[in-house]
Amino acid sequence: MTIDIEYEAEKKLDIDYETVINRVCEAALEYEDCPYDACINVVITDAQSIQEVNRETRGIDAPTDVLSFPMNEMTPGDYSNLEDDPDAFEPDTGELLLGDIMLCVDKIFEQAAAYGHSLTRELAFLTAHSMLHLLGYDHVDEKERKQMEERQEEILKLCGFTRDNDRELTGDKA
């Protein structure tokens, strides 16, 4: 698996964000029984930059916590349509080109404080959420929203990023 992480924000996350992102991406692929090694690009940026992208891509002129850009149209749990699409795979490595994730460092700080959990857990949560989008999930209706939430929590459990053991596992300072 290849996970390219670019840190473009000036504000720094004083956590091992690369390890968190890698663990969550791997756990999401495992949980969703993805039969392929995957290639994922992650950009950690600031509120202004993500707002610009949000405006350009979704027509929403506001910062958001995370944006997902899937490279392939997928039905959750069904990878059969990818096998006949040579553009779905990186030619040199054979890895599935899963897509891009943009994470907003400002929102990570803001939401961790608002929800009373660590920066690590917030980063893990947003990464799990985005990975599910890359794997074909959405939350346009209540049923899909609940399904995504359940899957996010299961992925976080696989990684040990639960609400119960948030601070002990991460070493974050409150």
Protein backbone atom coordinates (compact mmCIF):
# COMPACT_ATOMS: atom_id res chain seq x y z
CA MET A 1 0.00 0.00 0.00
CA THR A 2 1.16 3.49 -0.80
CA ILE A 3 -0.07 6.43 1.25
CA ASP A 4 1.45 9.73 0.22
CA ILE A 5 0.96 12.41 2.89
CA GLU A 6 1.63 16.08 2.21
CA TYR A 7 1.54 18.53 5.12
CA GLU A 8 0.76 21.98 3.69
CA ALA A 9 -0.58 23.79 6.75
CA GLU A 10 1.51 26.10 8.91
CA LYS A 11 -0.28 24.99 12.08
CA LYS A 12 1.31 21.77 13.31
CA LEU A 13 -0.33 18.66 14.69
CA ASP A 14 1.90 17.63 17.59
CA ILE A 15 1.01 13.96 17.13
CA ASP A 16 2.31 11.15 14.96
CA TYR A 17 -0.21 11.92 12.23
CA GLU A 18 1.50 9.72 9.63
CA THR A 19 1.13 6.62 11.80
CA VAL A 20 -2.51 7.45 12.58
CA ILE A 21 -3.40 7.98 8.91
CA ASN A 22 -1.60 4.82 7.84
CA ARG A 23 -3.23 2.67 10.54
CA VAL A 24 -6.71 3.93 9.73
CA CYS A 25 -6.31 3.56 5.96
CA GLU A 26 -5.05 0.00 6.36
CA ALA A 27 -7.83 -0.86 8.81
CA ALA A 28 -10.50 0.56 6.50
CA LEU A 29 -9.27 -1.52 3.57
CA GLU A 30 -9.13 -4.60 5.78
CA TYR A 31 -12.59 -3.98 7.25
CA GLU A 32 -14.06 -3.48 3.77
CA ASP A 33 -12.33 -6.63 2.44
CA CYS A 34 -10.59 -4.72 -0.33
CA PRO A 35 -8.74 -7.37 -2.36
CA TYR A 36 -6.13 -4.91 -3.66
CA ASP A 37 -3.21 -2.96 -2.36
CA ALA A 38 -4.19 0.67 -2.73
CA CYS A 39 -2.65 4.04 -3.43
CA ILE A 40 -4.05 7.01 -1.47
CA ASN A 41 -2.99 10.64 -1.44
CA VAL A 42 -3.58 12.66 1.71
CA VAL A 43 -3.14 16.43 2.04
CA ILE A 44 -3.26 18.11 5.45
CA THR A 45 -4.12 21.74 4.87
CA ASP A 46 -5.60 24.82 6.52
CA ALA A 47 -9.12 26.27 6.62
CA GLN A 48 -8.50 28.81 3.86
CA SER A 49 -7.15 26.24 1.39
CA ILE A 50 -9.85 23.66 2.03
CA GLN A 51 -12.49 26.39 1.72
CA GLU A 52 -11.16 27.25 -1.75
CA VAL A 53 -11.32 23.62 -2.85
CA ASN A 54 -14.75 23.19 -1.27
CA ARG A 55 -16.00 26.23 -3.19
CA GLU A 56 -14.49 25.08 -6.49
CA THR A 57 -15.59 21.44 -6.27
CA ARG A 58 -18.85 21.53 -4.32
CA GLY A 59 -20.01 25.14 -4.63
CA ILE A 60 -19.88 25.55 -0.84
CA ASP A 61 -17.96 28.65 0.20
CA ALA A 62 -16.99 27.51 3.70
CA PRO A 63 -14.19 25.51 5.26
CA THR A 64 -14.94 21.87 5.97
CA ASP A 65 -13.17 19.22 8.01
CA VAL A 66 -12.47 16.73 5.24
CA LEU A 67 -12.93 16.32 1.51
CA SER A 68 -12.77 13.03 -0.37
CA PHE A 69 -12.06 12.59 -4.06
CA PRO A 70 -12.59 8.98 -5.15
CA MET A 71 -10.77 7.93 -8.31
CA ASN A 72 -13.32 5.23 -9.15
CA GLU A 73 -17.06 4.81 -8.98
CA MET A 74 -17.69 1.98 -6.60
CA THR A 75 -20.55 0.25 -4.93
CA PRO A 76 -19.58 -0.37 -1.31
CA GLY A 77 -18.08 -3.82 -0.91
CA ASP A 78 -18.16 -4.58 -4.64
CA TYR A 79 -14.82 -4.38 -6.43
CA SER A 80 -15.84 -6.33 -9.54
CA ASN A 81 -16.23 -3.28 -11.79
CA LEU A 82 -12.57 -2.36 -11.21
CA GLU A 83 -11.02 -5.49 -12.64
CA ASP A 84 -11.74 -4.55 -16.27
CA ASP A 85 -10.71 -0.92 -15.87
CA PRO A 86 -6.98 -0.46 -16.47
CA ASP A 87 -7.24 3.19 -15.36
CA ALA A 88 -8.25 2.02 -11.88
CA PHE A 89 -4.74 0.75 -11.17
CA GLU A 90 -1.29 2.33 -10.98
CA PRO A 91 0.57 0.88 -13.97
CA ASP A 92 3.95 0.44 -12.23
CA THR A 93 2.78 -1.04 -8.93
CA GLY A 94 -0.63 -2.52 -9.79
CA GLU A 95 -2.12 -0.73 -6.78
CA LEU A 96 -5.73 0.40 -6.84
CA LEU A 97 -5.83 4.19 -7.31
CA LEU A 98 -8.29 4.81 -4.51
CA GLY A 99 -8.29 8.62 -4.43
CA ASP A 100 -7.40 11.75 -2.53
CA ILE A 101 -8.20 12.95 0.98
CA MET A 102 -7.93 16.55 2.19
CA LEU A 103 -7.90 17.10 5.95
CA CYS A 104 -8.23 20.51 7.58
CA VAL A 105 -5.86 20.92 10.52
CA ASP A 106 -7.86 23.88 11.88
CA LYS A 107 -11.04 21.78 11.98
CA ILE A 108 -9.17 18.90 13.62
CA PHE A 109 -8.22 21.18 16.52
CA GLU A 110 -11.66 22.80 16.67
CA GLN A 111 -13.65 19.54 16.58
CA ALA A 112 -11.39 17.66 18.99
CA ALA A 113 -12.01 20.44 21.54
CA ALA A 114 -15.74 20.59 20.78
CA TYR A 115 -16.22 16.81 21.16
CA GLY A 116 -13.86 16.46 24.12
CA HIS A 117 -11.45 14.00 22.58
CA SER A 118 -7.86 13.98 21.41
CA LEU A 119 -6.42 15.33 18.19
CA THR A 120 -5.42 11.76 17.38
CA ARG A 121 -8.97 10.48 17.64
CA GLU A 122 -10.35 13.35 15.56
CA LEU A 123 -7.74 12.75 12.86
CA ALA A 124 -8.48 9.02 12.93
CA PHE A 125 -12.24 9.65 12.72
CA LEU A 126 -11.94 12.00 9.74
CA THR A 127 -9.58 9.63 7.96
CA ALA A 128 -11.97 6.69 8.48
CA HIS A 129 -14.88 8.81 7.24
CA SER A 130 -12.99 9.82 4.12
CA MET A 131 -11.77 6.29 3.41
CA LEU A 132 -15.37 5.09 3.40
CA HIS A 133 -16.20 7.77 0.83
CA LEU A 134 -13.28 6.56 -1.31
CA LEU A 135 -14.69 3.04 -1.01
CA GLY A 136 -18.11 4.07 -2.33
CA TYR A 137 -20.07 5.02 0.80
CA ASP A 138 -22.10 8.17 1.17
CA HIS A 139 -24.47 9.70 3.72
CA VAL A 140 -27.14 11.39 1.64
CA ASP A 141 -29.97 9.75 3.56
CA GLU A 142 -30.46 8.60 7.14
CA LYS A 143 -29.95 4.89 6.42
CA GLU A 144 -26.63 5.54 4.64
CA ARG A 145 -25.52 7.94 7.39
CA LYS A 146 -26.10 5.29 10.07
CA GLN A 147 -24.30 2.66 8.01
CA MET A 148 -21.28 4.95 7.59
CA GLU A 149 -21.23 5.85 11.28
CA GLU A 150 -21.30 2.18 12.30
CA ARG A 151 -18.49 1.34 9.90
CA GLN A 152 -16.41 4.32 11.05
CA GLU A 153 -16.69 3.17 14.66
CA GLU A 154 -15.72 -0.40 13.73
CA ILE A 155 -12.67 0.82 11.83
CA LEU A 156 -11.65 3.02 14.77
CA LYS A 157 -12.08 0.02 17.08
CA LEU A 158 -9.78 -2.05 14.86
CA CYS A 159 -7.12 0.65 15.32
CA GLY A 160 -7.75 1.14 19.03
CA PHE A 161 -9.04 4.70 18.64
CA THR A 162 -12.18 4.35 20.72
CA ARG A 163 -13.71 6.97 22.96
CA ASP A 164 -13.05 4.78 26.02
CA ASN A 165 -9.30 4.52 25.57
CA ASP A 166 -8.68 7.73 23.63
CA ARG A 167 -6.04 9.38 25.82
CA GLU A 168 -4.22 6.23 27.02
CA LEU A 169 -3.47 4.89 23.54
CA THR A 170 -2.57 8.15 21.87
CA GLY A 171 -0.52 9.92 24.47
CA ASP A 172 -2.20 13.19 23.49
CA LYS A 173 -2.27 15.95 25.99
CA ALA A 174 -5.77 17.19 26.74
